[in-house]
PDB file of N, CA and C in Angstrom:
ATOM      1  N   MET A   1      -8.326  -8.537   4.214  1.00  0.00           N
ATOM      2  CA  MET A   1      -7.550  -7.420   3.713  1.00  0.00           C
ATOM      3  C   MET A   1      -7.356  -7.587   2.199  1.00  0.00           C
ATOM      4  N   THR A   2      -7.725  -6.589   1.454  1.00  0.00           N
ATOM      5  CA  THR A   2      -7.644  -6.647   0.001  1.00  0.00           C
ATOM      6  C   THR A   2      -6.351  -6.020  -0.481  1.00  0.00           C
ATOM      7  N   ASN A   3      -5.771  -6.615  -1.507  1.00  0.00           N
ATOM      8  CA  ASN A   3      -4.566  -6.084  -2.096  1.00  0.00           C
ATOM      9  C   ASN A   3      -4.950  -5.012  -3.109  1.00  0.00           C
ATOM     10  N   LEU A   4      -4.473  -3.811  -2.889  1.00  0.00           N
ATOM     11  CA  LEU A   4      -4.813  -2.682  -3.748  1.00  0.00           C
ATOM     12  C   LEU A   4      -4.297  -2.887  -5.172  1.00  0.00           C
ATOM     13  N   TYR A   5      -3.068  -3.401  -5.324  1.00  0.00           N
ATOM     14  CA  TYR A   5      -2.535  -3.663  -6.664  1.00  0.00           C
ATOM     15  C   TYR A   5      -3.436  -4.618  -7.433  1.00  0.00           C
ATOM     16  N   SER A   6      -3.915  -5.655  -6.784  1.00  0.00           N
ATOM     17  CA  SER A   6      -4.795  -6.616  -7.455  1.00  0.00           C
ATOM     18  C   SER A   6      -6.074  -5.947  -7.938  1.00  0.00           C
ATOM     19  N   THR A   7      -6.659  -5.130  -7.109  1.00  0.00           N
ATOM     20  CA  THR A   7      -7.884  -4.428  -7.482  1.00  0.00           C
ATOM     21  C   THR A   7      -7.631  -3.549  -8.699  1.00  0.00           C
ATOM     22  N   ILE A   8      -6.536  -2.802  -8.681  1.00  0.00           N
ATOM     23  CA  ILE A   8      -6.218  -1.907  -9.794  1.00  0.00           C
ATOM     24  C   ILE A   8      -5.977  -2.696 -11.074  1.00  0.00           C
ATOM     25  N   THR A   9      -5.188  -3.763 -10.997  1.00  0.00           N
ATOM     26  CA  THR A   9      -4.866  -4.513 -12.212  1.00  0.00           C
ATOM     27  C   THR A   9      -6.078  -5.266 -12.766  1.00  0.00           C
ATOM     28  N   ILE A  10      -6.965  -5.711 -11.905  1.00  0.00           N
ATOM     29  CA  ILE A  10      -8.190  -6.372 -12.376  1.00  0.00           C
ATOM     30  C   ILE A  10      -9.053  -5.386 -13.158  1.00  0.00           C
ATOM     31  N   VAL A  11      -9.233  -4.188 -12.623  1.00  0.00           N
ATOM     32  CA  VAL A  11     -10.027  -3.177 -13.314  1.00  0.00           C
ATOM     33  C   VAL A  11      -9.318  -2.759 -14.603  1.00  0.00           C
ATOM     34  N   LEU A  12      -8.003  -2.569 -14.539  1.00  0.00           N
ATOM     35  CA  LEU A  12      -7.227  -2.173 -15.718  1.00  0.00           C
ATOM     36  C   LEU A  12      -7.349  -3.216 -16.834  1.00  0.00           C
ATOM     37  N   ALA A  13      -7.195  -4.466 -16.504  1.00  0.00           N
ATOM     38  CA  ALA A  13      -7.278  -5.532 -17.511  1.00  0.00           C
ATOM     39  C   ALA A  13      -8.673  -5.618 -18.126  1.00  0.00           C
ATOM     40  N   ARG A  14      -9.684  -5.340 -17.345  1.00  0.00           N
ATOM     41  CA  ARG A  14     -11.056  -5.368 -17.861  1.00  0.00           C
ATOM     42  C   ARG A  14     -11.312  -4.203 -18.819  1.00  0.00           C
ATOM     43  N   LEU A  15     -10.787  -3.022 -18.496  1.00  0.00           N
ATOM     44  CA  LEU A  15     -11.016  -1.835 -19.319  1.00  0.00           C
ATOM     45  C   LEU A  15     -10.069  -1.745 -20.510  1.00  0.00           C
ATOM     46  N   VAL A  16      -8.871  -2.324 -20.369  1.00  0.00           N
ATOM     47  CA  VAL A  16      -7.846  -2.236 -21.411  1.00  0.00           C
ATOM     48  C   VAL A  16      -7.331  -3.650 -21.685  1.00  0.00           C
ATOM     49  N   PRO A  17      -8.071  -4.418 -22.472  1.00  0.00           N
ATOM     50  CA  PRO A  17      -7.712  -5.816 -22.690  1.00  0.00           C
ATOM     51  C   PRO A  17      -6.287  -6.039 -23.195  1.00  0.00           C
ATOM     52  N   ASN A  18      -5.749  -5.109 -23.997  1.00  0.00           N
ATOM     53  CA  ASN A  18      -4.391  -5.282 -24.498  1.00  0.00           C
ATOM     54  C   ASN A  18      -3.319  -5.030 -23.438  1.00  0.00           C
ATOM     55  N   ALA A  19      -3.725  -4.641 -22.236  1.00  0.00           N
ATOM     56  CA  ALA A  19      -2.758  -4.441 -21.139  1.00  0.00           C
ATOM     57  C   ALA A  19      -2.261  -5.774 -20.598  1.00  0.00           C
ATOM     58  N   GLY A  20      -3.004  -6.848 -20.846  1.00  0.00           N
ATOM     59  CA  GLY A  20      -2.601  -8.172 -20.378  1.00  0.00           C
ATOM     60  C   GLY A  20      -3.467  -8.648 -19.232  1.00  0.00           C
ATOM     61  N   ALA A  21      -3.135  -9.832 -18.752  1.00  0.00           N
ATOM     62  CA  ALA A  21      -3.846 -10.414 -17.615  1.00  0.00           C
ATOM     63  C   ALA A  21      -3.461  -9.661 -16.346  1.00  0.00           C
ATOM     64  N   PRO A  22      -4.384  -9.570 -15.389  1.00  0.00           N
ATOM     65  CA  PRO A  22      -4.092  -8.826 -14.157  1.00  0.00           C
ATOM     66  C   PRO A  22      -2.789  -9.240 -13.467  1.00  0.00           C
ATOM     67  N   ASP A  23      -2.508 -10.532 -13.429  1.00  0.00           N
ATOM     68  CA  ASP A  23      -1.298 -10.978 -12.724  1.00  0.00           C
ATOM     69  C   ASP A  23      -0.030 -10.809 -13.550  1.00  0.00           C
ATOM     70  N   GLN A  24      -0.157 -10.312 -14.779  1.00  0.00           N
ATOM     71  CA  GLN A  24       1.009 -10.093 -15.631  1.00  0.00           C
ATOM     72  C   GLN A  24       1.332  -8.615 -15.837  1.00  0.00           C
ATOM     73  N   ILE A  25       0.517  -7.740 -15.295  1.00  0.00           N
ATOM     74  CA  ILE A  25       0.741  -6.301 -15.465  1.00  0.00           C
ATOM     75  C   ILE A  25       1.809  -5.842 -14.479  1.00  0.00           C
ATOM     76  N   ASP A  26       2.876  -5.262 -15.028  1.00  0.00           N
ATOM     77  CA  ASP A  26       3.976  -4.731 -14.218  1.00  0.00           C
ATOM     78  C   ASP A  26       3.502  -3.471 -13.505  1.00  0.00           C
ATOM     79  N   ALA A  27       3.669  -3.428 -12.195  1.00  0.00           N
ATOM     80  CA  ALA A  27       3.209  -2.287 -11.398  1.00  0.00           C
ATOM     81  C   ALA A  27       3.897  -0.985 -11.781  1.00  0.00           C
ATOM     82  N   ASP A  28       5.076  -1.068 -12.399  1.00  0.00           N
ATOM     83  CA  ASP A  28       5.814   0.135 -12.777  1.00  0.00           C
ATOM     84  C   ASP A  28       5.708   0.483 -14.256  1.00  0.00           C
ATOM     85  N   ALA A  29       4.972  -0.307 -15.032  1.00  0.00           N
ATOM     86  CA  ALA A  29       4.812  -0.024 -16.462  1.00  0.00           C
ATOM     87  C   ALA A  29       4.074   1.301 -16.639  1.00  0.00           C
ATOM     88  N   GLN A  30       4.547   2.107 -17.565  1.00  0.00           N
ATOM     89  CA  GLN A  30       3.896   3.371 -17.880  1.00  0.00           C
ATOM     90  C   GLN A  30       2.588   3.057 -18.604  1.00  0.00           C
ATOM     91  N   LEU A  31       1.478   3.471 -18.027  1.00  0.00           N
ATOM     92  CA  LEU A  31       0.168   3.106 -18.558  1.00  0.00           C
ATOM     93  C   LEU A  31      -0.017   3.552 -20.011  1.00  0.00           C
ATOM     94  N   ALA A  32       0.289   4.795 -20.325  1.00  0.00           N
ATOM     95  CA  ALA A  32       0.077   5.292 -21.680  1.00  0.00           C
ATOM     96  C   ALA A  32       1.138   4.774 -22.650  1.00  0.00           C
ATOM     97  N   GLN A  33       2.393   4.928 -22.290  1.00  0.00           N
ATOM     98  CA  GLN A  33       3.473   4.599 -23.206  1.00  0.00           C
ATOM     99  C   GLN A  33       3.667   3.096 -23.393  1.00  0.00           C
ATOM    100  N   GLU A  34       3.635   2.327 -22.330  1.00  0.00           N
ATOM    101  CA  GLU A  34       3.937   0.903 -22.409  1.00  0.00           C
ATOM    102  C   GLU A  34       2.705   0.013 -22.590  1.00  0.00           C
ATOM    103  N   LEU A  35       1.584   0.415 -21.985  1.00  0.00           N
ATOM    104  CA  LEU A  35       0.381  -0.422 -22.050  1.00  0.00           C
ATOM    105  C   LEU A  35      -0.665   0.104 -23.019  1.00  0.00           C
ATOM    106  N   GLY A  36      -0.430   1.282 -23.581  1.00  0.00           N
ATOM    107  CA  GLY A  36      -1.355   1.829 -24.568  1.00  0.00           C
ATOM    108  C   GLY A  36      -2.663   2.337 -24.017  1.00  0.00           C
ATOM    109  N   VAL A  37      -2.684   2.722 -22.760  1.00  0.00           N
ATOM    110  CA  VAL A  37      -3.910   3.238 -22.139  1.00  0.00           C
ATOM    111  C   VAL A  37      -4.189   4.638 -22.689  1.00  0.00           C
ATOM    112  N   THR A  38      -5.386   4.828 -23.230  1.00  0.00           N
ATOM    113  CA  THR A  38      -5.775   6.140 -23.759  1.00  0.00           C
ATOM    114  C   THR A  38      -6.272   7.034 -22.625  1.00  0.00           C
ATOM    115  N   SER A  39      -6.426   8.304 -22.924  1.00  0.00           N
ATOM    116  CA  SER A  39      -6.909   9.231 -21.890  1.00  0.00           C
ATOM    117  C   SER A  39      -8.330   8.866 -21.455  1.00  0.00           C
ATOM    118  N   MET A  40      -9.179   8.429 -22.390  1.00  0.00           N
ATOM    119  CA  MET A  40     -10.542   8.030 -22.027  1.00  0.00           C
ATOM    120  C   MET A  40     -10.515   6.778 -21.149  1.00  0.00           C
ATOM    121  N   GLN A  41      -9.653   5.822 -21.472  1.00  0.00           N
ATOM    122  CA  GLN A  41      -9.530   4.623 -20.643  1.00  0.00           C
ATOM    123  C   GLN A  41      -9.015   4.988 -19.248  1.00  0.00           C
ATOM    124  N   MET A  42      -8.144   5.972 -19.184  1.00  0.00           N
ATOM    125  CA  MET A  42      -7.618   6.407 -17.888  1.00  0.00           C
ATOM    126  C   MET A  42      -8.736   7.015 -17.036  1.00  0.00           C
ATOM    127  N   VAL A  43      -9.591   7.809 -17.659  1.00  0.00           N
ATOM    128  CA  VAL A  43     -10.733   8.391 -16.942  1.00  0.00           C
ATOM    129  C   VAL A  43     -11.635   7.273 -16.427  1.00  0.00           C
ATOM    130  N   LEU A  44     -11.919   6.309 -17.273  1.00  0.00           N
ATOM    131  CA  LEU A  44     -12.755   5.180 -16.858  1.00  0.00           C
ATOM    132  C   LEU A  44     -12.098   4.378 -15.745  1.00  0.00           C
ATOM    133  N   LEU A  45     -10.784   4.187 -15.829  1.00  0.00           N
ATOM    134  CA  LEU A  45     -10.051   3.447 -14.800  1.00  0.00           C
ATOM    135  C   LEU A  45     -10.166   4.141 -13.448  1.00  0.00           C
ATOM    136  N   ILE A  46      -9.871   5.425 -13.408  1.00  0.00           N
ATOM    137  CA  ILE A  46      -9.889   6.150 -12.130  1.00  0.00           C
ATOM    138  C   ILE A  46     -11.306   6.256 -11.574  1.00  0.00           C
ATOM    139  N   THR A  47     -12.292   6.548 -12.421  1.00  0.00           N
ATOM    140  CA  THR A  47     -13.663   6.650 -11.914  1.00  0.00           C
ATOM    141  C   THR A  47     -14.184   5.294 -11.445  1.00  0.00           C
ATOM    142  N   THR A  48     -13.837   4.224 -12.156  1.00  0.00           N
ATOM    143  CA  THR A  48     -14.247   2.886 -11.722  1.00  0.00           C
ATOM    144  C   THR A  48     -13.591   2.526 -10.401  1.00  0.00           C
ATOM    145  N   LEU A  49     -12.311   2.847 -10.263  1.00  0.00           N
ATOM    146  CA  LEU A  49     -11.617   2.564  -9.001  1.00  0.00           C
ATOM    147  C   LEU A  49     -12.230   3.355  -7.850  1.00  0.00           C
ATOM    148  N   CYS A  50     -12.549   4.617  -8.107  1.00  0.00           N
ATOM    149  CA  CYS A  50     -13.178   5.429  -7.057  1.00  0.00           C
ATOM    150  C   CYS A  50     -14.493   4.805  -6.614  1.00  0.00           C
ATOM    151  N   ARG A  51     -15.302   4.395  -7.569  1.00  0.00           N
ATOM    152  CA  ARG A  51     -16.597   3.786  -7.241  1.00  0.00           C
ATOM    153  C   ARG A  51     -16.392   2.449  -6.524  1.00  0.00           C
ATOM    154  N   THR A  52     -15.503   1.613  -7.031  1.00  0.00           N
ATOM    155  CA  THR A  52     -15.253   0.295  -6.455  1.00  0.00           C
ATOM    156  C   THR A  52     -14.697   0.383  -5.044  1.00  0.00           C
ATOM    157  N   LEU A  53     -13.788   1.336  -4.829  1.00  0.00           N
ATOM    158  CA  LEU A  53     -13.096   1.443  -3.543  1.00  0.00           C
ATOM    159  C   LEU A  53     -13.782   2.408  -2.577  1.00  0.00           C
ATOM    160  N   GLY A  54     -14.811   3.097  -3.026  1.00  0.00           N
ATOM    161  CA  GLY A  54     -15.529   4.019  -2.148  1.00  0.00           C
ATOM    162  C   GLY A  54     -14.758   5.289  -1.839  1.00  0.00           C
ATOM    163  N   VAL A  55     -13.987   5.753  -2.813  1.00  0.00           N
ATOM    164  CA  VAL A  55     -13.214   6.990  -2.651  1.00  0.00           C
ATOM    165  C   VAL A  55     -13.838   8.046  -3.555  1.00  0.00           C
ATOM    166  N   SER A  56     -14.078   9.225  -3.019  1.00  0.00           N
ATOM    167  CA  SER A  56     -14.665  10.301  -3.804  1.00  0.00           C
ATOM    168  C   SER A  56     -13.665  10.819  -4.827  1.00  0.00           C
ATOM    169  N   MET A  57     -14.141  11.122  -6.029  1.00  0.00           N
ATOM    170  CA  MET A  57     -13.272  11.721  -7.044  1.00  0.00           C
ATOM    171  C   MET A  57     -12.722  13.054  -6.576  1.00  0.00           C
ATOM    172  N   THR A  58     -13.438  13.721  -5.683  1.00  0.00           N
ATOM    173  CA  THR A  58     -12.966  15.011  -5.191  1.00  0.00           C
ATOM    174  C   THR A  58     -11.762  14.873  -4.262  1.00  0.00           C
ATOM    175  N   ALA A  59     -11.410  13.651  -3.915  1.00  0.00           N
ATOM    176  CA  ALA A  59     -10.230  13.419  -3.077  1.00  0.00           C
ATOM    177  C   ALA A  59      -8.942  13.677  -3.849  1.00  0.00           C
ATOM    178  N   PHE A  60      -9.043  13.738  -5.183  1.00  0.00           N
ATOM    179  CA  PHE A  60      -7.862  13.901  -6.018  1.00  0.00           C
ATOM    180  C   PHE A  60      -7.904  15.232  -6.753  1.00  0.00           C
ATOM    181  N   ASP A  61      -6.750  15.900  -6.794  1.00  0.00           N
ATOM    182  CA  ASP A  61      -6.659  17.131  -7.567  1.00  0.00           C
ATOM    183  C   ASP A  61      -5.907  16.861  -8.872  1.00  0.00           C
ATOM    184  N   GLU A  62      -5.671  17.899  -9.644  1.00  0.00           N
ATOM    185  CA  GLU A  62      -5.016  17.746 -10.941  1.00  0.00           C
ATOM    186  C   GLU A  62      -3.626  17.128 -10.818  1.00  0.00           C
ATOM    187  N   ASP A  63      -2.893  17.499  -9.774  1.00  0.00           N
ATOM    188  CA  ASP A  63      -1.553  16.949  -9.577  1.00  0.00           C
ATOM    189  C   ASP A  63      -1.605  15.449  -9.291  1.00  0.00           C
ATOM    190  N   ASP A  64      -2.584  15.027  -8.500  1.00  0.00           N
ATOM    191  CA  ASP A  64      -2.755  13.596  -8.226  1.00  0.00           C
ATOM    192  C   ASP A  64      -3.024  12.843  -9.521  1.00  0.00           C
ATOM    193  N   LEU A  65      -3.961  13.346 -10.310  1.00  0.00           N
ATOM    194  CA  LEU A  65      -4.326  12.671 -11.553  1.00  0.00           C
ATOM    195  C   LEU A  65      -3.148  12.621 -12.528  1.00  0.00           C
ATOM    196  N   ALA A  66      -2.399  13.703 -12.616  1.00  0.00           N
ATOM    197  CA  ALA A  66      -1.245  13.733 -13.517  1.00  0.00           C
ATOM    198  C   ALA A  66      -0.162  12.756 -13.071  1.00  0.00           C
ATOM    199  N   ALA A  67      -0.084  12.486 -11.779  1.00  0.00           N
ATOM    200  CA  ALA A  67       0.950  11.588 -11.246  1.00  0.00           C
ATOM    201  C   ALA A  67       0.580  10.116 -11.387  1.00  0.00           C
ATOM    202  N   MET A  68      -0.659   9.820 -11.716  1.00  0.00           N
ATOM    203  CA  MET A  68      -1.114   8.428 -11.819  1.00  0.00           C
ATOM    204  C   MET A  68      -0.716   7.839 -13.165  1.00  0.00           C
ATOM    205  N   ILE A  69       0.562   7.527 -13.318  1.00  0.00           N
ATOM    206  CA  ILE A  69       1.086   7.062 -14.605  1.00  0.00           C
ATOM    207  C   ILE A  69       1.402   5.574 -14.625  1.00  0.00           C
ATOM    208  N   SER A  70       1.253   4.919 -13.488  1.00  0.00           N
ATOM    209  CA  SER A  70       1.507   3.474 -13.396  1.00  0.00           C
ATOM    210  C   SER A  70       0.599   2.903 -12.307  1.00  0.00           C
ATOM    211  N   VAL A  71       0.516   1.595 -12.264  1.00  0.00           N
ATOM    212  CA  VAL A  71      -0.276   0.949 -11.208  1.00  0.00           C
ATOM    213  C   VAL A  71       0.271   1.346  -9.837  1.00  0.00           C
ATOM    214  N   ARG A  72       1.589   1.341  -9.695  1.00  0.00           N
ATOM    215  CA  ARG A  72       2.199   1.710  -8.406  1.00  0.00           C
ATOM    216  C   ARG A  72       1.845   3.151  -8.024  1.00  0.00           C
ATOM    217  N   ALA A  73       1.870   4.059  -8.999  1.00  0.00           N
ATOM    218  CA  ALA A  73       1.547   5.460  -8.726  1.00  0.00           C
ATOM    219  C   ALA A  73       0.074   5.635  -8.360  1.00  0.00           C
ATOM    220  N   ILE A  74      -0.805   4.903  -9.033  1.00  0.00           N
ATOM    221  CA  ILE A  74      -2.229   4.947  -8.696  1.00  0.00           C
ATOM    222  C   ILE A  74      -2.431   4.431  -7.272  1.00  0.00           C
ATOM    223  N   ALA A  75      -1.803   3.318  -6.956  1.00  0.00           N
ATOM    224  CA  ALA A  75      -1.926   2.739  -5.612  1.00  0.00           C
ATOM    225  C   ALA A  75      -1.452   3.718  -4.546  1.00  0.00           C
ATOM    226  N   ALA A  76      -0.362   4.411  -4.812  1.00  0.00           N
ATOM    227  CA  ALA A  76       0.177   5.365  -3.839  1.00  0.00           C
ATOM    228  C   ALA A  76      -0.819   6.486  -3.562  1.00  0.00           C
ATOM    229  N   ARG A  77      -1.479   6.973  -4.605  1.00  0.00           N
ATOM    230  CA  ARG A  77      -2.455   8.054  -4.426  1.00  0.00           C
ATOM    231  C   ARG A  77      -3.717   7.566  -3.711  1.00  0.00           C
ATOM    232  N   PHE A  78      -4.166   6.360  -4.024  1.00  0.00           N
ATOM    233  CA  PHE A  78      -5.355   5.810  -3.364  1.00  0.00           C
ATOM    234  C   PHE A  78      -5.049   5.369  -1.928  1.00  0.00           C
ATOM    235  N   GLN A  79      -3.840   4.938  -1.672  1.00  0.00           N
ATOM    236  CA  GLN A  79      -3.460   4.379  -0.365  1.00  0.00           C
ATOM    237  C   GLN A  79      -3.753   5.354   0.783  1.00  0.00           C
ATOM    238  N   THR A  80      -3.559   6.638   0.551  1.00  0.00           N
ATOM    239  CA  THR A  80      -3.808   7.612   1.621  1.00  0.00           C
ATOM    240  C   THR A  80      -5.280   7.658   2.021  1.00  0.00           C
ATOM    241  N   HIS A  81      -6.153   7.226   1.124  1.00  0.00           N
ATOM    242  CA  HIS A  81      -7.593   7.231   1.404  1.00  0.00           C
ATOM    243  C   HIS A  81      -8.104   5.852   1.836  1.00  0.00           C
ATOM    244  N   LEU A  82      -7.203   4.861   1.777  1.00  0.00           N
ATOM    245  CA  LEU A  82      -7.588   3.476   2.079  1.00  0.00           C
ATOM    246  C   LEU A  82      -6.543   2.823   3.003  1.00  0.00           C
ATOM    247  N   PRO A  83      -6.364   3.345   4.194  1.00  0.00           N
ATOM    248  CA  PRO A  83      -5.313   2.795   5.067  1.00  0.00           C
ATOM    249  C   PRO A  83      -5.507   1.329   5.424  1.00  0.00           C
ATOM    250  N   GLU A  84      -6.725   0.813   5.281  1.00  0.00           N
ATOM    251  CA  GLU A  84      -6.976  -0.591   5.617  1.00  0.00           C
ATOM    252  C   GLU A  84      -6.549  -1.560   4.521  1.00  0.00           C
ATOM    253  N   MET A  85      -6.239  -1.021   3.338  1.00  0.00           N
ATOM    254  CA  MET A  85      -5.832  -1.877   2.221  1.00  0.00           C
ATOM    255  C   MET A  85      -4.307  -1.915   2.114  1.00  0.00           C
ATOM    256  N   VAL A  86      -3.796  -3.067   1.746  1.00  0.00           N
ATOM    257  CA  VAL A  86      -2.367  -3.236   1.535  1.00  0.00           C
ATOM    258  C   VAL A  86      -2.092  -3.024   0.056  1.00  0.00           C
ATOM    259  N   ALA A  87      -1.053  -2.261  -0.239  1.00  0.00           N
ATOM    260  CA  ALA A  87      -0.684  -2.025  -1.648  1.00  0.00           C
ATOM    261  C   ALA A  87       0.018  -3.181  -2.223  1.00  0.00           C
TER     262      ALA A  87
END
């Protein structure tokens, strides 16, 4: 069983080096305001997660994408498509 938070933070740390080490990223930190994630980095993060986790980008609408403002929020949106993963 894979931890969804770990997967998200590993990808986030790889794409946004100034976000910190995966095990140091606060799940509730605001990605743009607190971690400095740009809109392009956010697109790369979500598309990489979709590819890595096997979730279609079409599974998310504009409201889902707008709500993905933290690791916890991203995990919540992906969790519905990945019931076998623990957040």
